[in-house]
PDB file of N, CA and C in Angstrom:
ATOM      1  N   MET A   1      51.411  19.832 -49.717  1.00  0.00           N
ATOM      2  CA  MET A   1      52.893  20.028 -49.949  1.00  0.00           C
ATOM      3  C   MET A   1      53.179  19.439 -51.196  1.00  0.00           C
ATOM      4  N   SER A   2      53.674  20.133 -52.699  1.00  0.00           N
ATOM      5  CA  SER A   2      54.228  19.574 -53.606  1.00  0.00           C
ATOM      6  C   SER A   2      55.136  18.846 -53.539  1.00  0.00           C
ATOM      7  N   LEU A   3      55.371  17.334 -54.318  1.00  0.00           N
ATOM      8  CA  LEU A   3      56.588  16.959 -54.328  1.00  0.00           C
ATOM      9  C   LEU A   3      57.299  16.876 -55.162  1.00  0.00           C
ATOM     10  N   ARG A   4      57.046  17.910 -55.770  1.00  0.00           N
ATOM     11  CA  ARG A   4      58.057  18.493 -57.358  1.00  0.00           C
ATOM     12  C   ARG A   4      59.497  18.655 -56.874  1.00  0.00           C
ATOM     13  N   ASP A   5      59.348  19.224 -55.782  1.00  0.00           N
ATOM     14  CA  ASP A   5      61.353  19.556 -55.270  1.00  0.00           C
ATOM     15  C   ASP A   5      61.964  18.476 -55.116  1.00  0.00           C
ATOM     16  N   PRO A   6      63.365  18.155 -55.678  1.00  0.00           N
ATOM     17  CA  PRO A   6      63.832  16.936 -55.464  1.00  0.00           C
ATOM     18  C   PRO A   6      64.635  17.231 -53.999  1.00  0.00           C
ATOM     19  N   PHE A   7      65.368  18.255 -53.230  1.00  0.00           N
ATOM     20  CA  PHE A   7      65.531  18.068 -52.394  1.00  0.00           C
ATOM     21  C   PHE A   7      64.099  17.774 -51.061  1.00  0.00           C
ATOM     22  N   LYS A   8      62.911  18.148 -51.051  1.00  0.00           N
ATOM     23  CA  LYS A   8      61.875  17.525 -50.578  1.00  0.00           C
ATOM     24  C   LYS A   8      61.355  16.456 -50.828  1.00  0.00           C
ATOM     25  N   LEU A   9      61.119  15.748 -52.460  1.00  0.00           N
ATOM     26  CA  LEU A   9      61.266  14.151 -52.701  1.00  0.00           C
ATOM     27  C   LEU A   9      62.143  13.470 -52.212  1.00  0.00           C
ATOM     28  N   GLU A  10      63.724  13.881 -52.115  1.00  0.00           N
ATOM     29  CA  GLU A  10      65.139  12.963 -51.488  1.00  0.00           C
ATOM     30  C   GLU A  10      64.373  12.934 -49.627  1.00  0.00           C
ATOM     31  N   LEU A  11      63.880  13.929 -48.958  1.00  0.00           N
ATOM     32  CA  LEU A  11      63.475  13.934 -47.478  1.00  0.00           C
ATOM     33  C   LEU A  11      62.670  13.017 -47.365  1.00  0.00           C
ATOM     34  N   ALA A  12      61.532  13.229 -48.208  1.00  0.00           N
ATOM     35  CA  ALA A  12      60.658  12.172 -48.005  1.00  0.00           C
ATOM     36  C   ALA A  12      60.723  10.303 -48.188  1.00  0.00           C
ATOM     37  N   ARG A  13      61.956  10.559 -49.427  1.00  0.00           N
ATOM     38  CA  ARG A  13      62.336   8.986 -49.415  1.00  0.00           C
ATOM     39  C   ARG A  13      62.896   8.508 -48.532  1.00  0.00           C
ATOM     40  N   ARG A  14      63.890   9.364 -48.003  1.00  0.00           N
ATOM     41  CA  ARG A  14      64.893   8.686 -46.739  1.00  0.00           C
ATOM     42  C   ARG A  14      64.176   8.467 -45.755  1.00  0.00           C
ATOM     43  N   HIS A  15      62.678   9.270 -45.180  1.00  0.00           N
ATOM     44  CA  HIS A  15      62.585   8.759 -43.385  1.00  0.00           C
ATOM     45  C   HIS A  15      60.731   7.822 -44.136  1.00  0.00           C
ATOM     46  N   LEU A  16      60.365   7.388 -45.530  1.00  0.00           N
ATOM     47  CA  LEU A  16      59.255   6.641 -45.620  1.00  0.00           C
ATOM     48  C   LEU A  16      59.317   4.894 -46.269  1.00  0.00           C
ATOM     49  N   VAL A  17      60.550   5.437 -47.204  1.00  0.00           N
ATOM     50  CA  VAL A  17      60.987   4.613 -48.469  1.00  0.00           C
ATOM     51  C   VAL A  17      62.530   3.426 -47.545  1.00  0.00           C
ATOM     52  N   ASN A  18      63.145   4.498 -46.842  1.00  0.00           N
ATOM     53  CA  ASN A  18      64.286   3.582 -46.496  1.00  0.00           C
ATOM     54  C   ASN A  18      64.549   3.233 -45.330  1.00  0.00           C
ATOM     55  N   LYS A  19      64.095   2.140 -45.305  1.00  0.00           N
ATOM     56  CA  LYS A  19      63.926   1.406 -44.173  1.00  0.00           C
ATOM     57  C   LYS A  19      63.986  -0.496 -44.606  1.00  0.00           C
ATOM     58  N   THR A  20      64.407  -1.266 -43.573  1.00  0.00           N
ATOM     59  CA  THR A  20      64.275  -2.736 -43.915  1.00  0.00           C
ATOM     60  C   THR A  20      63.698  -2.889 -42.773  1.00  0.00           C
ATOM     61  N   VAL A  21      62.584  -4.113 -43.162  1.00  0.00           N
ATOM     62  CA  VAL A  21      61.801  -5.483 -42.768  1.00  0.00           C
ATOM     63  C   VAL A  21      62.080  -6.112 -41.910  1.00  0.00           C
ATOM     64  N   CYS A  22      61.666  -6.322 -41.092  1.00  0.00           N
ATOM     65  CA  CYS A  22      62.069  -8.068 -40.709  1.00  0.00           C
ATOM     66  C   CYS A  22      61.312  -8.841 -41.216  1.00  0.00           C
ATOM     67  N   ARG A  23      61.451 -10.284 -41.217  1.00  0.00           N
ATOM     68  CA  ARG A  23      60.912 -11.459 -41.471  1.00  0.00           C
ATOM     69  C   ARG A  23      60.605 -11.800 -41.053  1.00  0.00           C
ATOM     70  N   SER A  24      60.757 -12.132 -39.341  1.00  0.00           N
ATOM     71  CA  SER A  24      60.051 -12.445 -38.569  1.00  0.00           C
ATOM     72  C   SER A  24      58.807 -12.355 -38.033  1.00  0.00           C
ATOM     73  N   CYS A  25      58.842 -10.574 -37.933  1.00  0.00           N
ATOM     74  CA  CYS A  25      57.792  -9.759 -37.428  1.00  0.00           C
ATOM     75  C   CYS A  25      57.147  -9.089 -38.027  1.00  0.00           C
ATOM     76  N   GLY A  26      57.539  -8.687 -39.053  1.00  0.00           N
ATOM     77  CA  GLY A  26      57.291  -7.549 -39.931  1.00  0.00           C
ATOM     78  C   GLY A  26      57.251  -6.408 -39.194  1.00  0.00           C
ATOM     79  N   VAL A  27      58.024  -5.765 -38.785  1.00  0.00           N
ATOM     80  CA  VAL A  27      58.650  -4.654 -37.889  1.00  0.00           C
ATOM     81  C   VAL A  27      59.185  -4.149 -39.066  1.00  0.00           C
ATOM     82  N   THR A  28      59.212  -2.367 -39.209  1.00  0.00           N
ATOM     83  CA  THR A  28      60.398  -1.458 -39.627  1.00  0.00           C
ATOM     84  C   THR A  28      61.514  -1.348 -38.550  1.00  0.00           C
ATOM     85  N   ASN A  29      62.629  -1.580 -39.392  1.00  0.00           N
ATOM     86  CA  ASN A  29      63.794  -0.996 -38.339  1.00  0.00           C
ATOM     87  C   ASN A  29      64.272   0.451 -39.423  1.00  0.00           C
ATOM     88  N   PRO A  30      64.954   1.168 -38.713  1.00  0.00           N
ATOM     89  CA  PRO A  30      66.655   1.809 -39.372  1.00  0.00           C
ATOM     90  C   PRO A  30      67.008   0.766 -40.582  1.00  0.00           C
ATOM     91  N   PRO A  31      67.909   2.143 -41.836  1.00  0.00           N
ATOM     92  CA  PRO A  31      67.646   1.304 -42.446  1.00  0.00           C
ATOM     93  C   PRO A  31      68.813   0.384 -42.288  1.00  0.00           C
ATOM     94  N   LYS A  32      69.900   1.385 -41.112  1.00  0.00           N
ATOM     95  CA  LYS A  32      71.363   0.301 -41.113  1.00  0.00           C
ATOM     96  C   LYS A  32      71.212  -0.692 -39.569  1.00  0.00           C
ATOM     97  N   ALA A  33      70.228  -1.143 -39.606  1.00  0.00           N
ATOM     98  CA  ALA A  33      69.736  -1.842 -38.592  1.00  0.00           C
ATOM     99  C   ALA A  33      70.282  -3.172 -38.891  1.00  0.00           C
ATOM    100  N   THR A  34      71.205  -4.187 -37.694  1.00  0.00           N
ATOM    101  CA  THR A  34      71.453  -5.729 -37.329  1.00  0.00           C
ATOM    102  C   THR A  34      70.314  -6.336 -37.258  1.00  0.00           C
ATOM    103  N   LYS A  35      70.100  -6.063 -36.100  1.00  0.00           N
ATOM    104  CA  LYS A  35      69.093  -6.720 -35.396  1.00  0.00           C
ATOM    105  C   LYS A  35      67.307  -5.943 -35.852  1.00  0.00           C
ATOM    106  N   CYS A  36      66.260  -6.902 -35.453  1.00  0.00           N
ATOM    107  CA  CYS A  36      65.742  -6.669 -35.768  1.00  0.00           C
ATOM    108  C   CYS A  36      64.918  -6.186 -34.106  1.00  0.00           C
ATOM    109  N   ARG A  37      64.323  -4.584 -33.676  1.00  0.00           N
ATOM    110  CA  ARG A  37      64.460  -3.865 -32.312  1.00  0.00           C
ATOM    111  C   ARG A  37      63.510  -4.489 -31.337  1.00  0.00           C
ATOM    112  N   LYS A  38      62.327  -5.522 -32.054  1.00  0.00           N
ATOM    113  CA  LYS A  38      61.255  -6.186 -31.193  1.00  0.00           C
ATOM    114  C   LYS A  38      61.513  -7.559 -30.786  1.00  0.00           C
ATOM    115  N   CYS A  39      62.009  -8.364 -31.656  1.00  0.00           N
ATOM    116  CA  CYS A  39      62.216  -9.604 -31.116  1.00  0.00           C
ATOM    117  C   CYS A  39      63.803 -10.454 -31.847  1.00  0.00           C
ATOM    118  N   ARG A  40      64.701  -9.148 -31.918  1.00  0.00           N
ATOM    119  CA  ARG A  40      66.031  -9.298 -31.983  1.00  0.00           C
ATOM    120  C   ARG A  40      66.776 -10.382 -33.608  1.00  0.00           C
ATOM    121  N   SER A  41      65.680 -10.563 -34.097  1.00  0.00           N
ATOM    122  CA  SER A  41      66.101 -11.868 -35.269  1.00  0.00           C
ATOM    123  C   SER A  41      67.143 -11.019 -36.226  1.00  0.00           C
ATOM    124  N   LYS A  42      67.812 -11.602 -36.801  1.00  0.00           N
ATOM    125  CA  LYS A  42      68.983 -11.385 -37.533  1.00  0.00           C
ATOM    126  C   LYS A  42      68.420 -11.185 -39.085  1.00  0.00           C
ATOM    127  N   ASN A  43      66.907 -11.496 -39.616  1.00  0.00           N
ATOM    128  CA  ASN A  43      66.836 -11.744 -40.378  1.00  0.00           C
ATOM    129  C   ASN A  43      66.102 -10.706 -41.024  1.00  0.00           C
ATOM    130  N   LEU A  44      66.511  -9.583 -41.960  1.00  0.00           N
ATOM    131  CA  LEU A  44      66.265  -8.101 -42.432  1.00  0.00           C
ATOM    132  C   LEU A  44      65.989  -8.397 -43.789  1.00  0.00           C
ATOM    133  N   ARG A  45      65.319  -7.340 -44.305  1.00  0.00           N
ATOM    134  CA  ARG A  45      65.153  -7.266 -45.693  1.00  0.00           C
ATOM    135  C   ARG A  45      64.939  -5.686 -45.991  1.00  0.00           C
ATOM    136  N   PRO A  46      65.627  -5.152 -47.091  1.00  0.00           N
ATOM    137  CA  PRO A  46      65.342  -3.913 -47.313  1.00  0.00           C
ATOM    138  C   PRO A  46      63.535  -3.426 -47.537  1.00  0.00           C
ATOM    139  N   LYS A  47      63.078  -2.393 -47.137  1.00  0.00           N
ATOM    140  CA  LYS A  47      61.276  -2.415 -47.573  1.00  0.00           C
ATOM    141  C   LYS A  47      61.669  -2.394 -48.933  1.00  0.00           C
ATOM    142  N   LYS A  48      60.187  -2.581 -49.140  1.00  0.00           N
ATOM    143  CA  LYS A  48      59.658  -2.886 -51.080  1.00  0.00           C
ATOM    144  C   LYS A  48      59.073  -0.853 -51.348  1.00  0.00           C
ATOM    145  N   THR A  49      59.560  -1.132 -52.468  1.00  0.00           N
ATOM    146  CA  THR A  49      59.380   0.130 -52.943  1.00  0.00           C
ATOM    147  C   THR A  49      57.958  -0.198 -53.931  1.00  0.00           C
ATOM    148  N   LYS A  50      57.411   0.891 -54.482  1.00  0.00           N
ATOM    149  CA  LYS A  50      56.551   0.737 -55.407  1.00  0.00           C
ATOM    150  C   LYS A  50      57.040   0.443 -56.841  1.00  0.00           C
ATOM    151  N   GLY A  51      58.352   1.537 -57.456  1.00  0.00           N
ATOM    152  CA  GLY A  51      58.574   1.602 -58.641  1.00  0.00           C
ATOM    153  C   GLY A  51      59.539   0.541 -58.711  1.00  0.00           C
ATOM    154  N   ARG A  52      59.827  -0.787 -57.996  1.00  0.00           N
ATOM    155  CA  ARG A  52      60.585  -1.567 -58.452  1.00  0.00           C
ATOM    156  C   ARG A  52      60.285  -2.840 -59.537  1.00  0.00           C
ATOM    157  N   ALA A  53      61.468  -2.804 -60.796  1.00  0.00           N
ATOM    158  CA  ALA A  53      60.663  -3.805 -61.154  1.00  0.00           C
ATOM    159  C   ALA A  53      60.784  -5.336 -61.184  1.00  0.00           C
ATOM    160  N   ARG A  54      59.778  -6.374 -61.226  1.00  0.00           N
ATOM    161  CA  ARG A  54      59.595  -7.318 -60.471  1.00  0.00           C
ATOM    162  C   ARG A  54      60.894  -8.631 -61.333  1.00  0.00           C
TER     163      ARG A  54
END
């Protein structure tokens, strides 16, 4: 499947990149999560993407 279509690219980004990651246990959570689904920690960060500048 080619990801040159902007709709398909945005759909893939929404499902694969738009997540939050727990800093305690490393589990991925939904983007609007306030607590981790596994350890219930509130220490969440957005998932890192490949194209971000350092």
